[in-house]
Amino acid sequence: MNIYHGLEDGIDKYNNIVMALGNFDGVHLGHRELIKRTIEIAARENGAPAVFTFDPHPMKILRPDCCPPMLLSKEEKIRILSDLGIKLLVILPFSDDIANLSPREFVKNVLIDKFKVRAVVVGYNYNFGYKGTGNAGLLTGLAGEYGIEAVVVPPVQHDKAEVSSTLIRNLLQKGDVSTAAEFLGYFPFIVSRVVTGDQRGRLIGFPTANLELSDDILAPANGVYAVRVHVNGAILRGIANIGNRPTFDLNQPPNLEVHIFDFAREIYNTKIKVEFITRIRGEQRFSSVEELVRQIENDSGEVKKVLAQVNEV
């Protein structure tokens, strides 16, 4: 997949670009339907399937107080889009100049003149142009004027609910990672670098990999989770805790600690991926370290049973 971080030259080497437009936060089942249609149309037109998105999210510029944390980092979004078969990705920095384009100017100046698109694919609730005044209906009309195809994808339903990034965020904020996985099409995950902790886990017999959490990426609710851990190409089983460690009266932001079963290697400064399979319980404060250890032992037994039965989403 070729990536362009702007409107620079070079994109014109592609013929018959079929471009999906949107934020693609989470690249969930709804987004995957857009991508599927994009690839199908590109095959029909002997063209290139493409995605156009903004970075940062427009809300972060226009209404920063209302912008939610993202479901995926930019790097992980890129990886998933490439894995799904997108050949051309345009990540345009969102700016005041872009924000002030009218819907017609966006279609004519960007999609037609710059990208020479053959077709565009959007979700039914797509908005674009100055103050979001353009919608899927207007895009369809403008596309007709300029002689290109516009495909509007209806909402995607799962278990009688509409798939959306907002719904998935709400599920993660409740700790319901297993249901979130059904809407995402994959288990929610965090990719981060292992940092040095205070060694408390090692002292009580459960050494942990400590990972910093980003304010920009949504982590599941505080609690204990069954997880799969990707370390240097290996997929391992483990138990994770997100929280403030109230038993130790630590006044600190939430962090992620992962105990990997049957694993003793040092992995400091290694970037690892933690997949959240299911939530075992919420975060608790224990009256003693001994009580905490007994609970971790019980939780670990339950986690091993859960992970033994896990199938792919």
C-alpha atoms as a PDB file:
ATOM      1  CA  MET A   1       0.000   0.000   0.000  1.00  0.00           C
ATOM      2  CA  ASN A   2       1.284   3.443  -0.938  1.00  0.00           C
ATOM      3  CA  ILE A   3       0.651   6.246   1.547  1.00  0.00           C
ATOM      4  CA  TYR A   4       0.422   9.958   0.799  1.00  0.00           C
ATOM      5  CA  HIS A   5       0.387  12.476   3.627  1.00  0.00           C
ATOM      6  CA  GLY A   6      -1.069  15.319   1.616  1.00  0.00           C
ATOM      7  CA  LEU A   7      -1.892  16.419  -1.904  1.00  0.00           C
ATOM      8  CA  GLU A   8       1.640  16.106  -3.245  1.00  0.00           C
ATOM      9  CA  ASP A   9       2.480  14.948  -6.734  1.00  0.00           C
ATOM     10  CA  GLY A  10       2.606  11.254  -7.542  1.00  0.00           C
ATOM     11  CA  ILE A  11      -1.005  10.266  -7.030  1.00  0.00           C
ATOM     12  CA  ASP A  12      -1.690  10.897 -10.715  1.00  0.00           C
ATOM     13  CA  LYS A  13       0.143   7.671 -11.605  1.00  0.00           C
ATOM     14  CA  TYR A  14      -2.985   5.768 -10.565  1.00  0.00           C
ATOM     15  CA  ASN A  15      -5.832   5.176 -13.007  1.00  0.00           C
ATOM     16  CA  ASN A  16      -9.515   4.905 -12.159  1.00  0.00           C
ATOM     17  CA  ILE A  17      -9.141   5.561  -8.437  1.00  0.00           C
ATOM     18  CA  VAL A  18     -12.097   4.308  -6.396  1.00  0.00           C
ATOM     19  CA  MET A  19     -11.932   6.120  -3.079  1.00  0.00           C
ATOM     20  CA  ALA A  20     -13.645   5.425   0.238  1.00  0.00           C
ATOM     21  CA  LEU A  21     -14.064   8.567   2.328  1.00  0.00           C
ATOM     22  CA  GLY A  22     -14.277   8.727   6.124  1.00  0.00           C
ATOM     23  CA  ASN A  23     -12.460   8.677   9.443  1.00  0.00           C
ATOM     24  CA  PHE A  24     -12.369   4.871   9.747  1.00  0.00           C
ATOM     25  CA  ASP A  25     -11.829   5.015  13.511  1.00  0.00           C
ATOM     26  CA  GLY A  26     -11.529   1.395  14.590  1.00  0.00           C
ATOM     27  CA  VAL A  27     -11.927   0.032  11.034  1.00  0.00           C
ATOM     28  CA  HIS A  28     -14.988  -1.822  12.329  1.00  0.00           C
ATOM     29  CA  LEU A  29     -17.537  -3.983  10.494  1.00  0.00           C
ATOM     30  CA  GLY A  30     -19.260  -0.933   9.011  1.00  0.00           C
ATOM     31  CA  HIS A  31     -15.989   0.419   7.650  1.00  0.00           C
ATOM     32  CA  ARG A  32     -15.137  -3.010   6.289  1.00  0.00           C
ATOM     33  CA  GLU A  33     -18.315  -2.992   4.224  1.00  0.00           C
ATOM     34  CA  LEU A  34     -17.199   0.321   2.672  1.00  0.00           C
ATOM     35  CA  ILE A  35     -13.787  -1.136   1.946  1.00  0.00           C
ATOM     36  CA  LYS A  36     -15.299  -4.297   0.470  1.00  0.00           C
ATOM     37  CA  ARG A  37     -17.451  -2.218  -1.910  1.00  0.00           C
ATOM     38  CA  THR A  38     -14.467  -0.039  -2.800  1.00  0.00           C
ATOM     39  CA  ILE A  39     -12.358  -3.055  -3.740  1.00  0.00           C
ATOM     40  CA  GLU A  40     -15.216  -4.595  -5.747  1.00  0.00           C
ATOM     41  CA  ILE A  41     -15.776  -1.414  -7.777  1.00  0.00           C
ATOM     42  CA  ALA A  42     -12.031  -0.937  -8.322  1.00  0.00           C
ATOM     43  CA  ALA A  43     -11.815  -4.484  -9.697  1.00  0.00           C
ATOM     44  CA  ARG A  44     -14.719  -3.775 -12.042  1.00  0.00           C
ATOM     45  CA  GLU A  45     -13.099  -0.544 -13.267  1.00  0.00           C
ATOM     46  CA  ASN A  46      -9.583  -2.000 -13.403  1.00  0.00           C
ATOM     47  CA  GLY A  47      -8.630   0.711 -10.947  1.00  0.00           C
ATOM     48  CA  ALA A  48      -6.983   1.287  -7.578  1.00  0.00           C
ATOM     49  CA  PRO A  49      -8.931   0.870  -4.307  1.00  0.00           C
ATOM     50  CA  ALA A  50      -8.144   3.854  -2.089  1.00  0.00           C
ATOM     51  CA  VAL A  51      -9.038   5.418   1.248  1.00  0.00           C
ATOM     52  CA  PHE A  52      -9.075   9.139   2.006  1.00  0.00           C
ATOM     53  CA  THR A  53      -9.005  10.209   5.639  1.00  0.00           C
ATOM     54  CA  PHE A  54      -7.862  13.072   7.846  1.00  0.00           C
ATOM     55  CA  ASP A  55      -5.281  13.284  10.602  1.00  0.00           C
ATOM     56  CA  PRO A  56      -5.900  14.485  13.186  1.00  0.00           C
ATOM     57  CA  HIS A  57      -9.611  13.747  13.435  1.00  0.00           C
ATOM     58  CA  PRO A  58     -11.451  16.933  12.313  1.00  0.00           C
ATOM     59  CA  MET A  59     -13.199  17.115  15.683  1.00  0.00           C
ATOM     60  CA  LYS A  60      -9.827  17.595  17.373  1.00  0.00           C
ATOM     61  CA  ILE A  61      -9.373  20.853  15.451  1.00  0.00           C
ATOM     62  CA  LEU A  62     -12.946  22.101  15.248  1.00  0.00           C
ATOM     63  CA  ARG A  63     -14.191  21.092  18.726  1.00  0.00           C
ATOM     64  CA  PRO A  64     -11.237  19.790  20.746  1.00  0.00           C
ATOM     65  CA  ASP A  65     -13.230  19.638  23.993  1.00  0.00           C
ATOM     66  CA  CYS A  66     -15.681  17.212  22.379  1.00  0.00           C
ATOM     67  CA  CYS A  67     -13.230  14.959  20.545  1.00  0.00           C
ATOM     68  CA  PRO A  68     -13.296  11.435  21.990  1.00  0.00           C
ATOM     69  CA  PRO A  69     -10.190   9.251  22.241  1.00  0.00           C
ATOM     70  CA  MET A  70      -9.618   7.119  19.177  1.00  0.00           C
ATOM     71  CA  LEU A  71     -10.073   3.350  18.937  1.00  0.00           C
ATOM     72  CA  LEU A  72      -6.848   2.880  16.964  1.00  0.00           C
ATOM     73  CA  SER A  73      -3.560   4.679  16.544  1.00  0.00           C
ATOM     74  CA  LYS A  74      -2.749   5.982  13.082  1.00  0.00           C
ATOM     75  CA  GLU A  75      -0.117   3.252  12.685  1.00  0.00           C
ATOM     76  CA  GLU A  76      -2.548   0.448  13.491  1.00  0.00           C
ATOM     77  CA  LYS A  77      -5.235   1.921  11.243  1.00  0.00           C
ATOM     78  CA  ILE A  78      -2.730   1.953   8.385  1.00  0.00           C
ATOM     79  CA  ARG A  79      -1.764  -1.673   9.036  1.00  0.00           C
ATOM     80  CA  ILE A  80      -5.371  -2.898   9.050  1.00  0.00           C
ATOM     81  CA  LEU A  81      -6.322  -0.970   5.903  1.00  0.00           C
ATOM     82  CA  SER A  82      -3.333  -2.477   4.112  1.00  0.00           C
ATOM     83  CA  ASP A  83      -4.247  -5.975   5.306  1.00  0.00           C
ATOM     84  CA  LEU A  84      -7.783  -5.496   3.950  1.00  0.00           C
ATOM     85  CA  GLY A  85      -6.491  -4.809   0.439  1.00  0.00           C
ATOM     86  CA  ILE A  86      -6.381  -1.019   0.104  1.00  0.00           C
ATOM     87  CA  LYS A  87      -3.648  -0.017  -2.365  1.00  0.00           C
ATOM     88  CA  LEU A  88      -3.612   3.766  -1.918  1.00  0.00           C
ATOM     89  CA  LEU A  89      -4.080   5.663   1.349  1.00  0.00           C
ATOM     90  CA  VAL A  90      -4.295   9.447   1.518  1.00  0.00           C
ATOM     91  CA  ILE A  91      -3.953  10.901   5.018  1.00  0.00           C
ATOM     92  CA  LEU A  92      -4.559  14.621   4.691  1.00  0.00           C
ATOM     93  CA  PRO A  93      -3.589  16.909   7.585  1.00  0.00           C
ATOM     94  CA  PHE A  94      -6.801  18.620   8.679  1.00  0.00           C
ATOM     95  CA  SER A  95      -6.406  22.398   8.591  1.00  0.00           C
ATOM     96  CA  ASP A  96      -8.452  25.593   8.488  1.00  0.00           C
ATOM     97  CA  ASP A  97      -8.004  25.725   4.711  1.00  0.00           C
ATOM     98  CA  ILE A  98      -9.540  22.268   4.363  1.00  0.00           C
ATOM     99  CA  ALA A  99     -12.259  23.041   6.913  1.00  0.00           C
ATOM    100  CA  ASN A 100     -13.321  26.120   4.935  1.00  0.00           C
ATOM    101  CA  LEU A 101     -13.816  24.305   1.626  1.00  0.00           C
ATOM    102  CA  SER A 102     -17.450  24.176   0.571  1.00  0.00           C
ATOM    103  CA  PRO A 103     -18.828  20.743  -0.317  1.00  0.00           C
ATOM    104  CA  ARG A 104     -18.609  21.605  -4.017  1.00  0.00           C
ATOM    105  CA  GLU A 105     -15.026  22.850  -3.670  1.00  0.00           C
ATOM    106  CA  PHE A 106     -14.020  19.663  -1.877  1.00  0.00           C
ATOM    107  CA  VAL A 107     -15.486  17.484  -4.614  1.00  0.00           C
ATOM    108  CA  LYS A 108     -14.170  19.586  -7.516  1.00  0.00           C
ATOM    109  CA  ASN A 109     -10.772  20.730  -6.197  1.00  0.00           C
ATOM    110  CA  VAL A 110      -9.746  17.645  -4.249  1.00  0.00           C
ATOM    111  CA  LEU A 111     -11.586  14.563  -5.501  1.00  0.00           C
ATOM    112  CA  ILE A 112     -11.897  15.502  -9.180  1.00  0.00           C
ATOM    113  CA  ASP A 113      -8.955  17.792  -9.983  1.00  0.00           C
ATOM    114  CA  LYS A 114      -6.345  16.280  -7.683  1.00  0.00           C
ATOM    115  CA  PHE A 115      -7.235  12.602  -7.445  1.00  0.00           C
ATOM    116  CA  LYS A 116      -9.222  12.216 -10.677  1.00  0.00           C
ATOM    117  CA  VAL A 117     -11.412   9.668  -8.931  1.00  0.00           C
ATOM    118  CA  ARG A 118     -13.597   7.311 -10.930  1.00  0.00           C
ATOM    119  CA  ALA A 119     -15.907   6.637  -7.993  1.00  0.00           C
ATOM    120  CA  VAL A 120     -16.335   7.456  -4.312  1.00  0.00           C
ATOM    121  CA  VAL A 121     -17.769   5.228  -1.577  1.00  0.00           C
ATOM    122  CA  VAL A 122     -19.214   6.646   1.659  1.00  0.00           C
ATOM    123  CA  GLY A 123     -21.401   5.645   4.553  1.00  0.00           C
ATOM    124  CA  TYR A 124     -25.019   6.799   4.683  1.00  0.00           C
ATOM    125  CA  ASN A 125     -24.192   9.341   7.428  1.00  0.00           C
ATOM    126  CA  TYR A 126     -21.099  10.838   5.792  1.00  0.00           C
ATOM    127  CA  ASN A 127     -20.651  14.613   6.189  1.00  0.00           C
ATOM    128  CA  PHE A 128     -18.082  16.803   4.482  1.00  0.00           C
ATOM    129  CA  GLY A 129     -17.266  20.376   3.535  1.00  0.00           C
ATOM    130  CA  TYR A 130     -17.595  23.600   5.504  1.00  0.00           C
ATOM    131  CA  LYS A 131     -19.147  22.913   8.927  1.00  0.00           C
ATOM    132  CA  GLY A 132     -20.172  19.467   7.696  1.00  0.00           C
ATOM    133  CA  THR A 133     -22.862  20.937   5.443  1.00  0.00           C
ATOM    134  CA  GLY A 134     -22.344  18.259   2.792  1.00  0.00           C
ATOM    135  CA  ASN A 135     -23.999  14.867   3.197  1.00  0.00           C
ATOM    136  CA  ALA A 136     -24.274  11.645   1.224  1.00  0.00           C
ATOM    137  CA  GLY A 137     -27.204  12.973  -0.798  1.00  0.00           C
ATOM    138  CA  LEU A 138     -25.363  16.128  -1.827  1.00  0.00           C
ATOM    139  CA  LEU A 139     -22.265  14.097  -2.673  1.00  0.00           C
ATOM    140  CA  THR A 140     -24.339  11.872  -4.946  1.00  0.00           C
ATOM    141  CA  GLY A 141     -25.713  14.930  -6.740  1.00  0.00           C
ATOM    142  CA  LEU A 142     -22.296  16.548  -7.177  1.00  0.00           C
ATOM    143  CA  ALA A 143     -20.832  13.265  -8.380  1.00  0.00           C
ATOM    144  CA  GLY A 144     -23.502  13.107 -11.065  1.00  0.00           C
ATOM    145  CA  GLU A 145     -22.650  16.644 -12.192  1.00  0.00           C
ATOM    146  CA  TYR A 146     -18.974  15.786 -12.545  1.00  0.00           C
ATOM    147  CA  GLY A 147     -19.510  12.413 -14.178  1.00  0.00           C
ATOM    148  CA  ILE A 148     -18.258  10.126 -11.437  1.00  0.00           C
ATOM    149  CA  GLU A 149     -19.993   7.363  -9.513  1.00  0.00           C
ATOM    150  CA  ALA A 150     -21.020   7.769  -5.868  1.00  0.00           C
ATOM    151  CA  VAL A 151     -21.922   4.707  -3.813  1.00  0.00           C
ATOM    152  CA  VAL A 152     -23.667   5.183  -0.463  1.00  0.00           C
ATOM    153  CA  VAL A 153     -23.418   2.188   1.871  1.00  0.00           C
ATOM    154  CA  PRO A 154     -26.384   1.711   4.244  1.00  0.00           C
ATOM    155  CA  PRO A 155     -25.852   1.103   7.971  1.00  0.00           C
ATOM    156  CA  VAL A 156     -24.406  -2.262   8.921  1.00  0.00           C
ATOM    157  CA  GLN A 157     -26.296  -4.132  11.635  1.00  0.00           C
ATOM    158  CA  HIS A 158     -24.992  -6.687  14.095  1.00  0.00           C
ATOM    159  CA  ASP A 159     -27.252  -8.358  16.647  1.00  0.00           C
ATOM    160  CA  LYS A 160     -29.984  -5.781  15.849  1.00  0.00           C
ATOM    161  CA  ALA A 161     -27.677  -2.833  16.607  1.00  0.00           C
ATOM    162  CA  GLU A 162     -26.041  -0.437  14.167  1.00  0.00           C
ATOM    163  CA  VAL A 163     -22.273  -0.777  14.050  1.00  0.00           C
ATOM    164  CA  SER A 164     -20.576   2.511  14.921  1.00  0.00           C
ATOM    165  CA  SER A 165     -17.409   3.813  16.551  1.00  0.00           C
ATOM    166  CA  THR A 166     -19.540   5.507  19.215  1.00  0.00           C
ATOM    167  CA  LEU A 167     -21.218   2.233  20.183  1.00  0.00           C
ATOM    168  CA  ILE A 168     -17.854   0.482  20.380  1.00  0.00           C
ATOM    169  CA  ARG A 169     -16.429   3.260  22.560  1.00  0.00           C
ATOM    170  CA  ASN A 170     -19.380   2.906  24.927  1.00  0.00           C
ATOM    171  CA  LEU A 171     -18.801  -0.848  25.176  1.00  0.00           C
ATOM    172  CA  LEU A 172     -15.108  -0.393  25.943  1.00  0.00           C
ATOM    173  CA  GLN A 173     -15.881   2.212  28.591  1.00  0.00           C
ATOM    174  CA  LYS A 174     -18.046  -0.428  30.290  1.00  0.00           C
ATOM    175  CA  GLY A 175     -15.313  -3.054  29.956  1.00  0.00           C
ATOM    176  CA  ASP A 176     -17.427  -5.175  27.590  1.00  0.00           C
ATOM    177  CA  VAL A 177     -14.527  -6.076  25.325  1.00  0.00           C
ATOM    178  CA  SER A 178     -16.083  -9.332  24.115  1.00  0.00           C
ATOM    179  CA  THR A 179     -19.130  -7.561  22.658  1.00  0.00           C
ATOM    180  CA  ALA A 180     -16.924  -4.777  21.282  1.00  0.00           C
ATOM    181  CA  ALA A 181     -14.965  -7.467  19.429  1.00  0.00           C
ATOM    182  CA  GLU A 182     -18.130  -8.592  17.642  1.00  0.00           C
ATOM    183  CA  PHE A 183     -18.647  -5.082  16.240  1.00  0.00           C
ATOM    184  CA  LEU A 184     -14.976  -4.492  15.454  1.00  0.00           C
ATOM    185  CA  GLY A 185     -14.327  -7.817  13.755  1.00  0.00           C
ATOM    186  CA  TYR A 186     -11.261  -8.344  15.951  1.00  0.00           C
ATOM    187  CA  PHE A 187     -10.409  -8.301  19.654  1.00  0.00           C
ATOM    188  CA  PRO A 188      -9.771  -4.790  21.031  1.00  0.00           C
ATOM    189  CA  PHE A 189      -6.068  -4.273  21.563  1.00  0.00           C
ATOM    190  CA  ILE A 190      -3.415  -1.868  22.750  1.00  0.00           C
ATOM    191  CA  VAL A 191       0.078  -1.634  21.299  1.00  0.00           C
ATOM    192  CA  SER A 192       2.638  -0.040  23.596  1.00  0.00           C
ATOM    193  CA  ARG A 193       6.221  -0.276  24.765  1.00  0.00           C
ATOM    194  CA  VAL A 194       7.129  -2.121  27.965  1.00  0.00           C
ATOM    195  CA  VAL A 195       8.493   0.287  30.576  1.00  0.00           C
ATOM    196  CA  THR A 196      10.149  -0.242  33.936  1.00  0.00           C
ATOM    197  CA  GLY A 197       7.668  -0.609  36.790  1.00  0.00           C
ATOM    198  CA  ASP A 198       8.098  -0.687  40.563  1.00  0.00           C
ATOM    199  CA  GLN A 199       8.585  -4.489  40.620  1.00  0.00           C
ATOM    200  CA  ARG A 200       5.649  -5.070  42.993  1.00  0.00           C
ATOM    201  CA  GLY A 201       4.301  -7.861  40.796  1.00  0.00           C
ATOM    202  CA  ARG A 202       7.638  -9.672  40.831  1.00  0.00           C
ATOM    203  CA  LEU A 203       7.814  -9.401  44.626  1.00  0.00           C
ATOM    204  CA  ILE A 204       4.437 -11.140  45.052  1.00  0.00           C
ATOM    205  CA  GLY A 205       5.132 -13.868  42.496  1.00  0.00           C
ATOM    206  CA  PHE A 206       3.382 -12.362  39.470  1.00  0.00           C
ATOM    207  CA  PRO A 207       5.925 -10.388  37.411  1.00  0.00           C
ATOM    208  CA  THR A 208       4.243  -8.024  34.987  1.00  0.00           C
ATOM    209  CA  ALA A 209       5.028  -6.118  31.833  1.00  0.00           C
ATOM    210  CA  ASN A 210       4.060  -2.509  32.466  1.00  0.00           C
ATOM    211  CA  LEU A 211       2.737  -0.484  29.563  1.00  0.00           C
ATOM    212  CA  GLU A 212       1.973   3.199  29.370  1.00  0.00           C
ATOM    213  CA  LEU A 213      -1.494   4.194  28.204  1.00  0.00           C
ATOM    214  CA  SER A 214      -2.001   7.028  25.733  1.00  0.00           C
ATOM    215  CA  ASP A 215      -4.564   9.745  26.381  1.00  0.00           C
ATOM    216  CA  ASP A 216      -5.349   9.684  22.647  1.00  0.00           C
ATOM    217  CA  ILE A 217      -6.285   5.974  22.450  1.00  0.00           C
ATOM    218  CA  LEU A 218      -9.246   4.586  24.378  1.00  0.00           C
ATOM    219  CA  ALA A 219      -8.387   1.808  26.836  1.00  0.00           C
ATOM    220  CA  PRO A 220     -11.057  -0.523  28.241  1.00  0.00           C
ATOM    221  CA  ALA A 221     -12.539   0.238  31.648  1.00  0.00           C
ATOM    222  CA  ASN A 222     -10.443  -0.454  34.735  1.00  0.00           C
ATOM    223  CA  GLY A 223     -10.449  -4.106  35.695  1.00  0.00           C
ATOM    224  CA  VAL A 224      -8.922  -7.532  35.175  1.00  0.00           C
ATOM    225  CA  TYR A 225      -8.922  -9.119  31.708  1.00  0.00           C
ATOM    226  CA  ALA A 226      -8.052 -12.345  29.959  1.00  0.00           C
ATOM    227  CA  VAL A 227      -5.576 -11.336  27.253  1.00  0.00           C
ATOM    228  CA  ARG A 228      -3.445 -12.606  24.418  1.00  0.00           C
ATOM    229  CA  VAL A 229      -0.028 -11.002  24.155  1.00  0.00           C
ATOM    230  CA  HIS A 230       1.975 -10.668  20.937  1.00  0.00           C
ATOM    231  CA  VAL A 231       5.713 -10.575  21.750  1.00  0.00           C
ATOM    232  CA  ASN A 232       8.338 -10.723  19.009  1.00  0.00           C
ATOM    233  CA  GLY A 233       6.116 -12.831  16.757  1.00  0.00           C
ATOM    234  CA  ALA A 234       4.868 -15.186  19.487  1.00  0.00           C
ATOM    235  CA  ILE A 235       1.258 -15.187  20.738  1.00  0.00           C
ATOM    236  CA  LEU A 236       1.119 -15.859  24.475  1.00  0.00           C
ATOM    237  CA  ARG A 237      -1.611 -16.094  27.103  1.00  0.00           C
ATOM    238  CA  GLY A 238      -1.868 -13.795  30.074  1.00  0.00           C
ATOM    239  CA  ILE A 239      -3.874 -11.827  32.607  1.00  0.00           C
ATOM    240  CA  ALA A 240      -3.961  -8.035  32.581  1.00  0.00           C
ATOM    241  CA  ASN A 241      -5.023  -5.296  34.949  1.00  0.00           C
ATOM    242  CA  ILE A 242      -5.954  -1.769  33.968  1.00  0.00           C
ATOM    243  CA  GLY A 243      -6.216   0.623  36.870  1.00  0.00           C
ATOM    244  CA  ASN A 244      -4.663   2.602  39.680  1.00  0.00           C
ATOM    245  CA  ARG A 245      -3.678  -0.320  41.960  1.00  0.00           C
ATOM    246  CA  PRO A 246      -5.791   0.834  44.926  1.00  0.00           C
ATOM    247  CA  THR A 247      -4.453  -1.893  47.256  1.00  0.00           C
ATOM    248  CA  PHE A 248      -1.111  -0.058  47.261  1.00  0.00           C
ATOM    249  CA  ASP A 249      -2.661   3.427  47.630  1.00  0.00           C
ATOM    250  CA  LEU A 250      -0.862   4.609  44.531  1.00  0.00           C
ATOM    251  CA  ASN A 251      -2.028   8.025  43.384  1.00  0.00           C
ATOM    252  CA  GLN A 252      -1.219   7.714  39.702  1.00  0.00           C
ATOM    253  CA  PRO A 253      -2.966   7.638  36.325  1.00  0.00           C
ATOM    254  CA  PRO A 254      -4.319   4.264  35.170  1.00  0.00           C
ATOM    255  CA  ASN A 255      -1.746   1.946  33.675  1.00  0.00           C
ATOM    256  CA  LEU A 256      -1.741  -1.471  32.052  1.00  0.00           C
ATOM    257  CA  GLU A 257       0.046  -4.394  33.708  1.00  0.00           C
ATOM    258  CA  VAL A 258       0.248  -7.790  32.016  1.00  0.00           C
ATOM    259  CA  HIS A 259       1.350 -11.055  33.608  1.00  0.00           C
ATOM    260  CA  ILE A 260       2.261 -13.498  30.837  1.00  0.00           C
ATOM    261  CA  PHE A 261       1.823 -17.130  31.827  1.00  0.00           C
ATOM    262  CA  ASP A 262       4.936 -19.359  31.730  1.00  0.00           C
ATOM    263  CA  PHE A 263       7.149 -16.532  30.497  1.00  0.00           C
ATOM    264  CA  ALA A 264      10.383 -15.326  32.099  1.00  0.00           C
ATOM    265  CA  ARG A 265      12.240 -13.292  29.460  1.00  0.00           C
ATOM    266  CA  GLU A 266      13.115  -9.629  29.917  1.00  0.00           C
ATOM    267  CA  ILE A 267      11.183  -7.531  27.395  1.00  0.00           C
ATOM    268  CA  TYR A 268      11.823  -3.993  28.618  1.00  0.00           C
ATOM    269  CA  ASN A 269      11.582  -1.407  25.841  1.00  0.00           C
ATOM    270  CA  THR A 270       9.901  -3.973  23.564  1.00  0.00           C
ATOM    271  CA  LYS A 271       6.710  -2.966  21.774  1.00  0.00           C
ATOM    272  CA  ILE A 272       4.009  -5.566  22.410  1.00  0.00           C
ATOM    273  CA  LYS A 273       0.361  -5.983  21.469  1.00  0.00           C
ATOM    274  CA  VAL A 274      -2.219  -6.878  24.125  1.00  0.00           C
ATOM    275  CA  GLU A 275      -5.572  -8.252  22.910  1.00  0.00           C
ATOM    276  CA  PHE A 276      -8.437  -8.027  25.395  1.00  0.00           C
ATOM    277  CA  ILE A 277     -10.543 -11.200  25.197  1.00  0.00           C
ATOM    278  CA  THR A 278     -12.969 -10.803  28.100  1.00  0.00           C
ATOM    279  CA  ARG A 279     -13.278  -8.929  31.384  1.00  0.00           C
ATOM    280  CA  ILE A 280     -12.996 -11.087  34.490  1.00  0.00           C
ATOM    281  CA  ARG A 281     -13.918  -8.493  37.109  1.00  0.00           C
ATOM    282  CA  GLY A 282     -13.693  -4.830  37.982  1.00  0.00           C
ATOM    283  CA  GLU A 283     -10.813  -3.290  39.886  1.00  0.00           C
ATOM    284  CA  GLN A 284     -10.908  -3.952  43.626  1.00  0.00           C
ATOM    285  CA  ARG A 285      -9.100  -2.757  46.729  1.00  0.00           C
ATOM    286  CA  PHE A 286      -7.882  -5.566  49.005  1.00  0.00           C
ATOM    287  CA  SER A 287      -7.194  -5.358  52.724  1.00  0.00           C
ATOM    288  CA  SER A 288      -3.799  -7.041  52.417  1.00  0.00           C
ATOM    289  CA  VAL A 289      -1.228  -8.151  49.875  1.00  0.00           C
ATOM    290  CA  GLU A 290      -1.973 -11.766  50.823  1.00  0.00           C
ATOM    291  CA  GLU A 291      -5.633 -11.314  49.925  1.00  0.00           C
ATOM    292  CA  LEU A 292      -4.594  -9.744  46.614  1.00  0.00           C
ATOM    293  CA  VAL A 293      -2.329 -12.709  45.813  1.00  0.00           C
ATOM    294  CA  ARG A 294      -5.137 -15.199  46.491  1.00  0.00           C
ATOM    295  CA  GLN A 295      -7.444 -13.246  44.191  1.00  0.00           C
ATOM    296  CA  ILE A 296      -4.833 -13.110  41.416  1.00  0.00           C
ATOM    297  CA  GLU A 297      -4.417 -16.886  41.701  1.00  0.00           C
ATOM    298  CA  ASN A 298      -8.180 -17.352  41.379  1.00  0.00           C
ATOM    299  CA  ASP A 299      -8.373 -14.884  38.488  1.00  0.00           C
ATOM    300  CA  SER A 300      -5.497 -16.622  36.689  1.00  0.00           C
ATOM    301  CA  GLY A 301      -7.280 -19.957  36.888  1.00  0.00           C
ATOM    302  CA  GLU A 302     -10.433 -18.448  35.411  1.00  0.00           C
ATOM    303  CA  VAL A 303      -8.457 -16.669  32.684  1.00  0.00           C
ATOM    304  CA  LYS A 304      -6.771 -19.915  31.618  1.00  0.00           C
ATOM    305  CA  LYS A 305     -10.170 -21.586  31.273  1.00  0.00           C
ATOM    306  CA  VAL A 306     -11.469 -18.682  29.188  1.00  0.00           C
ATOM    307  CA  LEU A 307      -8.443 -18.578  26.893  1.00  0.00           C
ATOM    308  CA  ALA A 308      -8.566 -22.331  26.319  1.00  0.00           C
ATOM    309  CA  GLN A 309     -11.971 -21.868  24.669  1.00  0.00           C
ATOM    310  CA  VAL A 310     -11.274 -18.739  22.613  1.00  0.00           C
ATOM    311  CA  ASN A 311     -12.012 -18.774  18.916  1.00  0.00           C
ATOM    312  CA  GLU A 312     -11.204 -15.975  16.507  1.00  0.00           C
ATOM    313  CA  VAL A 313     -13.848 -13.266  16.178  1.00  0.00           C
END
